Structure formats: C-alpha cells, structure tokens
Amino acid sequence: MTRFLVDIPEEDLAMLDALAKAEGKSRAAILRKAVASHIAAESQQGFEKYFGLWERHGSTIDGLEYERKLRGEWPDVADLSTTKKKHRAT
C-alpha cells in the first residue's frame, strides 16, 4: 500500500472524523472505501454510465423528443427508393 498526503477543507475533515467515529473505523479506512466506490462508479460500462447524462448537466430537453426531431429531417425511405428507380431508368 502507498501513502500520500492530501489537503482537504476543515469542514470535510470534521465530517470525515465524525463518519469514522460513527463506523468505528480510521480515517484511512473511510477514505480507502470512498476511493474504491468512486473508481467502481467511474468504471461502469455502457448504457448505465450515460443514462440521464443531459439531465445531470442541467438540460431540460427531452432526449427522445430531440432524437425524433432530428430523424424528422431525414428523407423518407420510400422517397429514396423512388429516386433510385428514376436513376436506373436514365
């Protein structure tokens, strides 16, 4: 195990000490658990990591509504097949 020095605000240190006392653990044990939890949360793969991303950053746009709007700008598949037939005839 490696040791390191870190500066944290007095208020956070007071809360850390209270938590350590309540759980009957050392500051180091509480910090190790917090780091492990943070790393586990950051390493989530796929969909779960990104679900709700817009909302977490303050967006009020409905993602599905936005997607439908963008897709509404795409040409209709039926129109594309008609265009291909016209090109083949020429």
N, C-alpha and C. Protein backbone atom coordinates (compact mmCIF):
# COMPACT_ATOMS: atom_id res chain seq x y z
N MET A 1 0.85 -1.18 0.00
CA MET A 1 0.00 0.00 0.00
C MET A 1 0.89 1.23 0.00
N THR A 2 0.44 2.25 -0.70
CA THR A 2 1.20 3.50 -0.82
C THR A 2 0.54 4.58 0.03
N ARG A 3 1.36 5.42 0.61
CA ARG A 3 0.85 6.56 1.37
C ARG A 3 0.95 7.81 0.52
N PHE A 4 0.03 8.74 0.77
CA PHE A 4 0.11 10.03 0.09
C PHE A 4 -0.47 11.10 1.00
N LEU A 5 -0.09 12.33 0.73
CA LEU A 5 -0.52 13.47 1.52
C LEU A 5 -1.57 14.23 0.73
N VAL A 6 -2.66 14.59 1.39
CA VAL A 6 -3.72 15.31 0.69
C VAL A 6 -4.25 16.43 1.59
N ASP A 7 -4.57 17.55 0.97
CA ASP A 7 -5.15 18.69 1.70
C ASP A 7 -6.65 18.68 1.45
N ILE A 8 -7.43 18.75 2.53
CA ILE A 8 -8.89 18.85 2.41
C ILE A 8 -9.38 19.95 3.34
N PRO A 9 -10.51 20.55 3.00
CA PRO A 9 -11.06 21.62 3.86
C PRO A 9 -11.38 21.11 5.26
N GLU A 10 -11.29 22.00 6.22
CA GLU A 10 -11.56 21.67 7.63
C GLU A 10 -12.95 21.06 7.82
N GLU A 11 -13.95 21.60 7.08
CA GLU A 11 -15.32 21.08 7.23
C GLU A 11 -15.39 19.61 6.79
N ASP A 12 -14.69 19.30 5.69
CA ASP A 12 -14.68 17.91 5.20
C ASP A 12 -13.96 17.00 6.19
N LEU A 13 -12.90 17.50 6.77
CA LEU A 13 -12.16 16.71 7.75
C LEU A 13 -13.03 16.42 8.97
N ALA A 14 -13.79 17.42 9.41
CA ALA A 14 -14.69 17.22 10.56
C ALA A 14 -15.74 16.16 10.24
N MET A 15 -16.28 16.20 9.03
CA MET A 15 -17.29 15.21 8.63
C MET A 15 -16.65 13.82 8.50
N LEU A 16 -15.43 13.77 7.98
CA LEU A 16 -14.71 12.51 7.86
C LEU A 16 -14.47 11.90 9.24
N ASP A 17 -14.04 12.72 10.18
CA ASP A 17 -13.81 12.24 11.55
C ASP A 17 -15.10 11.74 12.20
N ALA A 18 -16.20 12.47 11.98
CA ALA A 18 -17.48 12.05 12.56
C ALA A 18 -17.93 10.71 11.95
N LEU A 19 -17.75 10.56 10.66
CA LEU A 19 -18.12 9.32 9.99
C LEU A 19 -17.26 8.17 10.47
N ALA A 20 -15.96 8.42 10.59
CA ALA A 20 -15.04 7.38 11.07
C ALA A 20 -15.41 6.95 12.49
N LYS A 21 -15.73 7.91 13.33
CA LYS A 21 -16.11 7.60 14.70
C LYS A 21 -17.41 6.79 14.74
N ALA A 22 -18.39 7.20 13.93
CA ALA A 22 -19.69 6.52 13.91
C ALA A 22 -19.55 5.08 13.42
N GLU A 23 -18.64 4.84 12.48
CA GLU A 23 -18.46 3.50 11.94
C GLU A 23 -17.38 2.71 12.67
N GLY A 24 -16.71 3.36 13.61
CA GLY A 24 -15.64 2.69 14.36
C GLY A 24 -14.46 2.32 13.47
N LYS A 25 -14.16 3.19 12.52
CA LYS A 25 -13.06 2.94 11.58
C LYS A 25 -12.11 4.12 11.60
N SER A 26 -10.96 3.94 11.00
CA SER A 26 -9.99 5.03 10.89
C SER A 26 -10.33 5.92 9.70
N ARG A 27 -9.74 7.12 9.68
CA ARG A 27 -9.90 8.00 8.53
C ARG A 27 -9.45 7.28 7.26
N ALA A 28 -8.31 6.60 7.36
CA ALA A 28 -7.74 5.91 6.20
C ALA A 28 -8.71 4.86 5.66
N ALA A 29 -9.36 4.12 6.53
CA ALA A 29 -10.30 3.09 6.09
C ALA A 29 -11.48 3.71 5.36
N ILE A 30 -11.98 4.82 5.89
CA ILE A 30 -13.10 5.51 5.26
C ILE A 30 -12.67 6.04 3.89
N LEU A 31 -11.49 6.63 3.80
CA LEU A 31 -11.00 7.17 2.53
C LEU A 31 -10.75 6.06 1.51
N ARG A 32 -10.20 4.91 1.95
CA ARG A 32 -10.00 3.79 1.03
C ARG A 32 -11.33 3.32 0.45
N LYS A 33 -12.34 3.24 1.31
CA LYS A 33 -13.67 2.81 0.85
C LYS A 33 -14.24 3.84 -0.14
N ALA A 34 -14.07 5.11 0.15
CA ALA A 34 -14.59 6.17 -0.74
C ALA A 34 -13.89 6.12 -2.10
N VAL A 35 -12.58 5.93 -2.11
CA VAL A 35 -11.84 5.86 -3.37
C VAL A 35 -12.28 4.63 -4.16
N ALA A 36 -12.42 3.49 -3.49
CA ALA A 36 -12.86 2.26 -4.17
C ALA A 36 -14.26 2.44 -4.76
N SER A 37 -15.16 3.08 -4.03
CA SER A 37 -16.52 3.33 -4.52
C SER A 37 -16.49 4.26 -5.72
N HIS A 38 -15.66 5.29 -5.65
CA HIS A 38 -15.57 6.24 -6.76
C HIS A 38 -15.03 5.55 -8.02
N ILE A 39 -14.00 4.75 -7.87
CA ILE A 39 -13.42 4.05 -9.01
C ILE A 39 -14.43 3.08 -9.61
N ALA A 40 -15.18 2.37 -8.77
CA ALA A 40 -16.20 1.44 -9.26
C ALA A 40 -17.28 2.19 -10.04
N ALA A 41 -17.71 3.34 -9.54
CA ALA A 41 -18.75 4.12 -10.22
C ALA A 41 -18.24 4.65 -11.55
N GLU A 42 -16.98 5.07 -11.60
CA GLU A 42 -16.41 5.60 -12.84
C GLU A 42 -16.18 4.53 -13.89
N SER A 43 -16.02 3.30 -13.46
CA SER A 43 -15.70 2.25 -14.42
C SER A 43 -16.95 1.55 -14.96
N GLN A 44 -18.13 2.05 -14.62
CA GLN A 44 -19.35 1.47 -15.19
C GLN A 44 -19.27 1.51 -16.70
N GLN A 45 -19.68 0.43 -17.31
CA GLN A 45 -19.62 0.35 -18.77
C GLN A 45 -20.99 0.52 -19.38
N GLY A 46 -20.99 1.02 -20.60
CA GLY A 46 -22.20 1.04 -21.40
C GLY A 46 -23.27 2.02 -20.98
N PHE A 47 -24.48 1.60 -21.20
CA PHE A 47 -25.69 2.41 -21.05
C PHE A 47 -25.81 3.08 -19.68
N GLU A 48 -25.54 2.34 -18.62
CA GLU A 48 -25.74 2.87 -17.27
C GLU A 48 -24.92 4.13 -17.00
N LYS A 49 -23.73 4.19 -17.57
CA LYS A 49 -22.85 5.33 -17.33
C LYS A 49 -23.44 6.61 -17.94
N TYR A 50 -24.14 6.47 -19.05
CA TYR A 50 -24.61 7.64 -19.78
C TYR A 50 -26.09 7.94 -19.58
N PHE A 51 -26.84 7.06 -18.96
CA PHE A 51 -28.27 7.28 -18.75
C PHE A 51 -28.47 8.51 -17.88
N GLY A 52 -29.27 9.44 -18.37
CA GLY A 52 -29.56 10.66 -17.61
C GLY A 52 -28.47 11.71 -17.70
N LEU A 53 -27.55 11.57 -18.64
CA LEU A 53 -26.42 12.48 -18.75
C LEU A 53 -26.85 13.92 -18.98
N TRP A 54 -27.81 14.13 -19.88
CA TRP A 54 -28.26 15.50 -20.16
C TRP A 54 -28.86 16.13 -18.91
N GLU A 55 -29.68 15.37 -18.22
CA GLU A 55 -30.35 15.91 -17.03
C GLU A 55 -29.33 16.25 -15.93
N ARG A 56 -28.32 15.40 -15.76
CA ARG A 56 -27.30 15.67 -14.74
C ARG A 56 -26.55 16.95 -15.01
N HIS A 57 -26.51 17.38 -16.27
CA HIS A 57 -25.81 18.61 -16.62
C HIS A 57 -26.77 19.78 -16.83
N GLY A 58 -27.99 19.64 -16.34
CA GLY A 58 -28.93 20.76 -16.33
C GLY A 58 -29.77 20.95 -17.57
N SER A 59 -29.73 20.01 -18.51
CA SER A 59 -30.53 20.16 -19.72
C SER A 59 -32.00 19.86 -19.43
N THR A 60 -32.86 20.65 -20.01
CA THR A 60 -34.31 20.43 -19.85
C THR A 60 -34.91 19.84 -21.11
N ILE A 61 -34.07 19.53 -22.09
CA ILE A 61 -34.54 18.96 -23.36
C ILE A 61 -34.82 17.47 -23.17
N ASP A 62 -35.95 17.02 -23.69
CA ASP A 62 -36.27 15.60 -23.68
C ASP A 62 -35.46 14.94 -24.79
N GLY A 63 -34.58 14.02 -24.43
CA GLY A 63 -33.70 13.37 -25.39
C GLY A 63 -34.44 12.65 -26.50
N LEU A 64 -35.53 11.97 -26.16
CA LEU A 64 -36.29 11.24 -27.17
C LEU A 64 -36.95 12.22 -28.15
N GLU A 65 -37.49 13.30 -27.61
CA GLU A 65 -38.11 14.33 -28.47
C GLU A 65 -37.06 14.92 -29.42
N TYR A 66 -35.87 15.18 -28.90
CA TYR A 66 -34.78 15.73 -29.70
C TYR A 66 -34.38 14.75 -30.81
N GLU A 67 -34.28 13.48 -30.48
CA GLU A 67 -33.93 12.44 -31.47
C GLU A 67 -34.99 12.37 -32.57
N ARG A 68 -36.25 12.39 -32.18
CA ARG A 68 -37.33 12.34 -33.17
C ARG A 68 -37.29 13.56 -34.09
N LYS A 69 -36.97 14.72 -33.53
CA LYS A 69 -36.88 15.93 -34.34
C LYS A 69 -35.78 15.77 -35.38
N LEU A 70 -34.62 15.27 -34.96
CA LEU A 70 -33.52 15.07 -35.90
C LEU A 70 -33.88 14.05 -36.97
N ARG A 71 -34.50 12.97 -36.56
CA ARG A 71 -34.89 11.94 -37.53
C ARG A 71 -35.96 12.46 -38.49
N GLY A 72 -36.74 13.41 -38.05
CA GLY A 72 -37.76 14.00 -38.91
C GLY A 72 -37.15 14.76 -40.09
N GLU A 73 -35.89 15.14 -39.94
CA GLU A 73 -35.20 15.84 -41.01
C GLU A 73 -34.67 14.89 -42.08
N TRP A 74 -34.63 13.59 -41.78
CA TRP A 74 -34.12 12.61 -42.73
C TRP A 74 -35.15 12.38 -43.83
N PRO A 75 -34.71 12.04 -45.02
CA PRO A 75 -35.66 11.74 -46.09
C PRO A 75 -36.38 10.43 -45.81
N ASP A 76 -37.58 10.33 -46.30
CA ASP A 76 -38.37 9.11 -46.13
C ASP A 76 -37.76 8.00 -46.99
N VAL A 77 -37.72 6.79 -46.47
CA VAL A 77 -37.15 5.65 -47.18
C VAL A 77 -37.88 5.42 -48.50
N ALA A 78 -39.17 5.62 -48.52
CA ALA A 78 -39.94 5.45 -49.75
C ALA A 78 -39.47 6.44 -50.82
N ASP A 79 -39.14 7.64 -50.43
CA ASP A 79 -38.63 8.64 -51.38
C ASP A 79 -37.28 8.21 -51.95
N LEU A 80 -36.46 7.59 -51.14
CA LEU A 80 -35.14 7.15 -51.60
C LEU A 80 -35.26 6.05 -52.65
N SER A 81 -36.15 5.09 -52.40
CA SER A 81 -36.30 4.00 -53.37
C SER A 81 -36.87 4.52 -54.69
N THR A 82 -37.73 5.51 -54.67
CA THR A 82 -38.28 6.12 -55.88
C THR A 82 -37.16 6.82 -56.65
N THR A 83 -36.26 7.49 -55.94
CA THR A 83 -35.14 8.18 -56.57
C THR A 83 -34.23 7.18 -57.27
N LYS A 84 -33.96 6.04 -56.64
CA LYS A 84 -33.11 5.01 -57.26
C LYS A 84 -33.73 4.50 -58.56
N LYS A 85 -35.05 4.29 -58.55
CA LYS A 85 -35.73 3.80 -59.75
C LYS A 85 -35.60 4.81 -60.90
N LYS A 86 -35.68 6.11 -60.56
CA LYS A 86 -35.58 7.15 -61.59
C LYS A 86 -34.17 7.15 -62.19
N HIS A 87 -33.15 6.97 -61.34
CA HIS A 87 -31.78 6.96 -61.82
C HIS A 87 -31.50 5.74 -62.70
N ARG A 88 -32.05 4.61 -62.36
CA ARG A 88 -31.85 3.39 -63.13
C ARG A 88 -32.47 3.50 -64.52
N ALA A 89 -33.60 4.20 -64.61
CA ALA A 89 -34.32 4.33 -65.87
C ALA A 89 -33.54 5.20 -66.85
N THR A 90 -32.72 6.09 -66.34
CA THR A 90 -32.00 7.01 -67.22
C THR A 90 -30.78 6.43 -67.86
